[in-house]
PDB file of N, CA and C in Angstrom:
ATOM      1  N   MET A   1      -0.226 -23.059 -22.009  1.00  0.00           N
ATOM      2  CA  MET A   1      -0.770 -21.714 -22.115  1.00  0.00           C
ATOM      3  C   MET A   1      -0.790 -21.013 -20.755  1.00  0.00           C
ATOM      4  N   GLU A   2      -1.000 -21.774 -19.696  1.00  0.00           N
ATOM      5  CA  GLU A   2      -1.054 -21.188 -18.362  1.00  0.00           C
ATOM      6  C   GLU A   2       0.301 -20.597 -17.965  1.00  0.00           C
ATOM      7  N   MET A   3       1.376 -21.282 -18.306  1.00  0.00           N
ATOM      8  CA  MET A   3       2.728 -20.807 -17.974  1.00  0.00           C
ATOM      9  C   MET A   3       3.057 -19.517 -18.730  1.00  0.00           C
ATOM     10  N   ILE A   4       2.609 -19.422 -19.962  1.00  0.00           N
ATOM     11  CA  ILE A   4       2.866 -18.220 -20.756  1.00  0.00           C
ATOM     12  C   ILE A   4       2.157 -17.016 -20.132  1.00  0.00           C
ATOM     13  N   GLY A   5       0.941 -17.221 -19.646  1.00  0.00           N
ATOM     14  CA  GLY A   5       0.207 -16.144 -18.986  1.00  0.00           C
ATOM     15  C   GLY A   5       0.898 -15.674 -17.722  1.00  0.00           C
ATOM     16  N   GLN A   6       1.402 -16.622 -16.928  1.00  0.00           N
ATOM     17  CA  GLN A   6       2.109 -16.261 -15.706  1.00  0.00           C
ATOM     18  C   GLN A   6       3.391 -15.499 -16.019  1.00  0.00           C
ATOM     19  N   LEU A   7       4.104 -15.934 -17.052  1.00  0.00           N
ATOM     20  CA  LEU A   7       5.329 -15.231 -17.437  1.00  0.00           C
ATOM     21  C   LEU A   7       5.021 -13.833 -17.962  1.00  0.00           C
ATOM     22  N   ALA A   8       3.924 -13.686 -18.681  1.00  0.00           N
ATOM     23  CA  ALA A   8       3.534 -12.371 -19.191  1.00  0.00           C
ATOM     24  C   ALA A   8       3.184 -11.430 -18.043  1.00  0.00           C
ATOM     25  N   ILE A   9       2.464 -11.926 -17.051  1.00  0.00           N
ATOM     26  CA  ILE A   9       2.109 -11.095 -15.898  1.00  0.00           C
ATOM     27  C   ILE A   9       3.356 -10.722 -15.104  1.00  0.00           C
ATOM     28  N   ALA A  10       4.275 -11.680 -14.920  1.00  0.00           N
ATOM     29  CA  ALA A  10       5.523 -11.393 -14.205  1.00  0.00           C
ATOM     30  C   ALA A  10       6.339 -10.350 -14.966  1.00  0.00           C
ATOM     31  N   GLY A  11       6.398 -10.478 -16.278  1.00  0.00           N
ATOM     32  CA  GLY A  11       7.126  -9.498 -17.076  1.00  0.00           C
ATOM     33  C   GLY A  11       6.497  -8.114 -16.984  1.00  0.00           C
ATOM     34  N   LEU A  12       5.182  -8.055 -16.983  1.00  0.00           N
ATOM     35  CA  LEU A  12       4.477  -6.784 -16.858  1.00  0.00           C
ATOM     36  C   LEU A  12       4.736  -6.147 -15.490  1.00  0.00           C
ATOM     37  N   MET A  13       4.739  -6.950 -14.453  1.00  0.00           N
ATOM     38  CA  MET A  13       5.024  -6.432 -13.113  1.00  0.00           C
ATOM     39  C   MET A  13       6.457  -5.891 -13.027  1.00  0.00           C
ATOM     40  N   LEU A  14       7.398  -6.607 -13.602  1.00  0.00           N
ATOM     41  CA  LEU A  14       8.782  -6.124 -13.614  1.00  0.00           C
ATOM     42  C   LEU A  14       8.901  -4.824 -14.396  1.00  0.00           C
ATOM     43  N   PHE A  15       8.193  -4.724 -15.513  1.00  0.00           N
ATOM     44  CA  PHE A  15       8.190  -3.487 -16.288  1.00  0.00           C
ATOM     45  C   PHE A  15       7.679  -2.326 -15.442  1.00  0.00           C
ATOM     46  N   PHE A  16       6.585  -2.534 -14.711  1.00  0.00           N
ATOM     47  CA  PHE A  16       6.033  -1.476 -13.868  1.00  0.00           C
ATOM     48  C   PHE A  16       7.008  -1.068 -12.772  1.00  0.00           C
ATOM     49  N   VAL A  17       7.671  -2.046 -12.165  1.00  0.00           N
ATOM     50  CA  VAL A  17       8.628  -1.728 -11.095  1.00  0.00           C
ATOM     51  C   VAL A  17       9.762  -0.878 -11.657  1.00  0.00           C
ATOM     52  N   PHE A  18      10.337  -1.284 -12.772  1.00  0.00           N
ATOM     53  CA  PHE A  18      11.442  -0.519 -13.346  1.00  0.00           C
ATOM     54  C   PHE A  18      10.993   0.830 -13.892  1.00  0.00           C
ATOM     55  N   ARG A  19       9.769   0.915 -14.354  1.00  0.00           N
ATOM     56  CA  ARG A  19       9.253   2.170 -14.905  1.00  0.00           C
ATOM     57  C   ARG A  19       8.957   3.175 -13.794  1.00  0.00           C
ATOM     58  N   LEU A  20       8.454   2.700 -12.649  1.00  0.00           N
ATOM     59  CA  LEU A  20       8.072   3.596 -11.561  1.00  0.00           C
ATOM     60  C   LEU A  20       9.200   3.869 -10.561  1.00  0.00           C
ATOM     61  N   TRP A  21      10.300   3.136 -10.647  1.00  0.00           N
ATOM     62  CA  TRP A  21      11.394   3.272  -9.675  1.00  0.00           C
ATOM     63  C   TRP A  21      11.927   4.709  -9.572  1.00  0.00           C
ATOM     64  N   PRO A  22      12.244   5.404 -10.688  1.00  0.00           N
ATOM     65  CA  PRO A  22      12.773   6.774 -10.553  1.00  0.00           C
ATOM     66  C   PRO A  22      11.797   7.733  -9.868  1.00  0.00           C
ATOM     67  N   THR A  23      10.523   7.617 -10.161  1.00  0.00           N
ATOM     68  CA  THR A  23       9.534   8.496  -9.538  1.00  0.00           C
ATOM     69  C   THR A  23       9.426   8.221  -8.048  1.00  0.00           C
ATOM     70  N   ALA A  24       9.399   6.947  -7.669  1.00  0.00           N
ATOM     71  CA  ALA A  24       9.313   6.601  -6.253  1.00  0.00           C
ATOM     72  C   ALA A  24      10.555   7.076  -5.504  1.00  0.00           C
ATOM     73  N   LYS A  25      11.703   6.953  -6.124  1.00  0.00           N
ATOM     74  CA  LYS A  25      12.946   7.409  -5.498  1.00  0.00           C
ATOM     75  C   LYS A  25      12.910   8.921  -5.267  1.00  0.00           C
ATOM     76  N   GLU A  26      12.405   9.682  -6.254  1.00  0.00           N
ATOM     77  CA  GLU A  26      12.316  11.126  -6.124  1.00  0.00           C
ATOM     78  C   GLU A  26      11.313  11.514  -5.045  1.00  0.00           C
ATOM     79  N   TRP A  27      10.180  10.811  -4.979  1.00  0.00           N
ATOM     80  CA  TRP A  27       9.183  11.099  -3.942  1.00  0.00           C
ATOM     81  C   TRP A  27       9.739  10.842  -2.546  1.00  0.00           C
ATOM     82  N   MET A  28      10.504   9.767  -2.403  1.00  0.00           N
ATOM     83  CA  MET A  28      11.078   9.457  -1.086  1.00  0.00           C
ATOM     84  C   MET A  28      12.083  10.529  -0.667  1.00  0.00           C
ATOM     85  N   ALA A  29      12.827  11.083  -1.621  1.00  0.00           N
ATOM     86  CA  ALA A  29      13.835  12.090  -1.293  1.00  0.00           C
ATOM     87  C   ALA A  29      13.205  13.460  -1.040  1.00  0.00           C
ATOM     88  N   ASN A  30      12.204  13.833  -1.820  1.00  0.00           N
ATOM     89  CA  ASN A  30      11.678  15.196  -1.759  1.00  0.00           C
ATOM     90  C   ASN A  30      10.236  15.291  -1.283  1.00  0.00           C
ATOM     91  N   GLY A  31       9.668  14.198  -0.842  1.00  0.00           N
ATOM     92  CA  GLY A  31       8.279  14.214  -0.399  1.00  0.00           C
ATOM     93  C   GLY A  31       8.119  14.805   0.986  1.00  0.00           C
ATOM     94  N   PRO A  32       6.877  15.015   1.399  1.00  0.00           N
ATOM     95  CA  PRO A  32       6.642  15.575   2.738  1.00  0.00           C
ATOM     96  C   PRO A  32       7.021  14.567   3.829  1.00  0.00           C
ATOM     97  N   LYS A  33       7.568  15.082   4.891  1.00  0.00           N
ATOM     98  CA  LYS A  33       7.973  14.238   6.019  1.00  0.00           C
ATOM     99  C   LYS A  33       6.861  14.234   7.066  1.00  0.00           C
ATOM    100  N   GLY A  34       6.586  13.072   7.608  1.00  0.00           N
ATOM    101  CA  GLY A  34       5.558  12.964   8.634  1.00  0.00           C
ATOM    102  C   GLY A  34       6.117  13.281  10.009  1.00  0.00           C
ATOM    103  N   ASN A  35       5.257  13.778  10.888  1.00  0.00           N
ATOM    104  CA  ASN A  35       5.667  14.001  12.267  1.00  0.00           C
ATOM    105  C   ASN A  35       4.875  13.052  13.167  1.00  0.00           C
ATOM    106  N   SER A  36       5.073  13.145  14.463  1.00  0.00           N
ATOM    107  CA  SER A  36       4.420  12.211  15.388  1.00  0.00           C
ATOM    108  C   SER A  36       2.902  12.380  15.380  1.00  0.00           C
ATOM    109  N   ASN A  37       2.430  13.583  15.128  1.00  0.00           N
ATOM    110  CA  ASN A  37       0.991  13.823  15.085  1.00  0.00           C
ATOM    111  C   ASN A  37       0.349  13.049  13.931  1.00  0.00           C
ATOM    112  N   ASP A  38       1.044  12.968  12.803  1.00  0.00           N
ATOM    113  CA  ASP A  38       0.522  12.208  11.662  1.00  0.00           C
ATOM    114  C   ASP A  38       0.416  10.728  11.997  1.00  0.00           C
ATOM    115  N   TRP A  39       1.421  10.197  12.697  1.00  0.00           N
ATOM    116  CA  TRP A  39       1.400   8.776  13.061  1.00  0.00           C
ATOM    117  C   TRP A  39       0.291   8.475  14.061  1.00  0.00           C
ATOM    118  N   ILE A  40       0.051   9.379  14.995  1.00  0.00           N
ATOM    119  CA  ILE A  40      -1.025   9.176  15.971  1.00  0.00           C
ATOM    120  C   ILE A  40      -2.376   9.175  15.260  1.00  0.00           C
ATOM    121  N   THR A  41      -2.555  10.072  14.299  1.00  0.00           N
ATOM    122  CA  THR A  41      -3.798  10.126  13.538  1.00  0.00           C
ATOM    123  C   THR A  41      -3.998   8.844  12.734  1.00  0.00           C
ATOM    124  N   ALA A  42      -2.941   8.374  12.088  1.00  0.00           N
ATOM    125  CA  ALA A  42      -3.041   7.152  11.294  1.00  0.00           C
ATOM    126  C   ALA A  42      -3.369   5.953  12.186  1.00  0.00           C
ATOM    127  N   ALA A  43      -2.736   5.872  13.358  1.00  0.00           N
ATOM    128  CA  ALA A  43      -3.005   4.766  14.278  1.00  0.00           C
ATOM    129  C   ALA A  43      -4.443   4.830  14.799  1.00  0.00           C
ATOM    130  N   ALA A  44      -4.939   6.030  15.083  1.00  0.00           N
ATOM    131  CA  ALA A  44      -6.313   6.170  15.567  1.00  0.00           C
ATOM    132  C   ALA A  44      -7.316   5.751  14.492  1.00  0.00           C
ATOM    133  N   LEU A  45      -7.076   6.144  13.257  1.00  0.00           N
ATOM    134  CA  LEU A  45      -7.973   5.748  12.174  1.00  0.00           C
ATOM    135  C   LEU A  45      -7.954   4.240  11.959  1.00  0.00           C
ATOM    136  N   LEU A  46      -6.769   3.649  11.973  1.00  0.00           N
ATOM    137  CA  LEU A  46      -6.662   2.199  11.812  1.00  0.00           C
ATOM    138  C   LEU A  46      -7.351   1.480  12.965  1.00  0.00           C
ATOM    139  N   GLY A  47      -7.167   1.974  14.187  1.00  0.00           N
ATOM    140  CA  GLY A  47      -7.846   1.384  15.334  1.00  0.00           C
ATOM    141  C   GLY A  47      -9.355   1.505  15.228  1.00  0.00           C
ATOM    142  N   GLY A  48      -9.831   2.640  14.726  1.00  0.00           N
ATOM    143  CA  GLY A  48     -11.267   2.822  14.537  1.00  0.00           C
ATOM    144  C   GLY A  48     -11.833   1.853  13.516  1.00  0.00           C
ATOM    145  N   VAL A  49     -11.127   1.645  12.440  1.00  0.00           N
ATOM    146  CA  VAL A  49     -11.577   0.679  11.433  1.00  0.00           C
ATOM    147  C   VAL A  49     -11.594  -0.731  12.012  1.00  0.00           C
ATOM    148  N   MET A  50     -10.561  -1.078  12.757  1.00  0.00           N
ATOM    149  CA  MET A  50     -10.514  -2.413  13.367  1.00  0.00           C
ATOM    150  C   MET A  50     -11.653  -2.597  14.370  1.00  0.00           C
ATOM    151  N   LEU A  51     -11.936  -1.580  15.155  1.00  0.00           N
ATOM    152  CA  LEU A  51     -13.040  -1.643  16.107  1.00  0.00           C
ATOM    153  C   LEU A  51     -14.379  -1.789  15.390  1.00  0.00           C
ATOM    154  N   PHE A  52     -14.570  -1.052  14.294  1.00  0.00           N
ATOM    155  CA  PHE A  52     -15.797  -1.130  13.511  1.00  0.00           C
ATOM    156  C   PHE A  52     -15.989  -2.524  12.934  1.00  0.00           C
ATOM    157  N   VAL A  53     -14.928  -3.116  12.394  1.00  0.00           N
ATOM    158  CA  VAL A  53     -15.018  -4.476  11.844  1.00  0.00           C
ATOM    159  C   VAL A  53     -15.316  -5.467  12.951  1.00  0.00           C
ATOM    160  N   TRP A  54     -14.695  -5.299  14.122  1.00  0.00           N
ATOM    161  CA  TRP A  54     -14.937  -6.204  15.244  1.00  0.00           C
ATOM    162  C   TRP A  54     -16.404  -6.133  15.674  1.00  0.00           C
ATOM    163  N   VAL A  55     -16.958  -4.918  15.745  1.00  0.00           N
ATOM    164  CA  VAL A  55     -18.364  -4.746  16.119  1.00  0.00           C
ATOM    165  C   VAL A  55     -19.262  -5.422  15.082  1.00  0.00           C
ATOM    166  N   LEU A  56     -18.958  -5.238  13.797  1.00  0.00           N
ATOM    167  CA  LEU A  56     -19.760  -5.889  12.774  1.00  0.00           C
ATOM    168  C   LEU A  56     -19.703  -7.406  12.886  1.00  0.00           C
ATOM    169  N   LEU A  57     -18.541  -7.940  13.200  1.00  0.00           N
ATOM    170  CA  LEU A  57     -18.415  -9.397  13.356  1.00  0.00           C
ATOM    171  C   LEU A  57     -19.182  -9.889  14.583  1.00  0.00           C
ATOM    172  N   LYS A  58     -19.210  -9.112  15.638  1.00  0.00           N
ATOM    173  CA  LYS A  58     -19.949  -9.511  16.838  1.00  0.00           C
ATOM    174  C   LYS A  58     -21.453  -9.446  16.622  1.00  0.00           C
ATOM    175  N   ILE A  59     -21.906  -8.524  15.787  1.00  0.00           N
ATOM    176  CA  ILE A  59     -23.335  -8.395  15.520  1.00  0.00           C
ATOM    177  C   ILE A  59     -23.849  -9.620  14.760  1.00  0.00           C
ATOM    178  N   VAL A  60     -23.047 -10.108  13.849  1.00  0.00           N
ATOM    179  CA  VAL A  60     -23.475 -11.242  13.005  1.00  0.00           C
ATOM    180  C   VAL A  60     -23.308 -12.483  13.750  1.00  0.00           C
TER     181      VAL A  60
END
């Protein structure tokens, strides 16, 4: 029974990939393009989250 469940989940994941592929392809072709300012903002936010987690770990 365990193998059947794993195969069902794998089949469902493959279905989702094939179902969403055309939409993802269209978004990649016609979606908004990021500039360097967007990347700097994303890096700053990620760094802030990492710093916050580090501070929380040091407190405990």
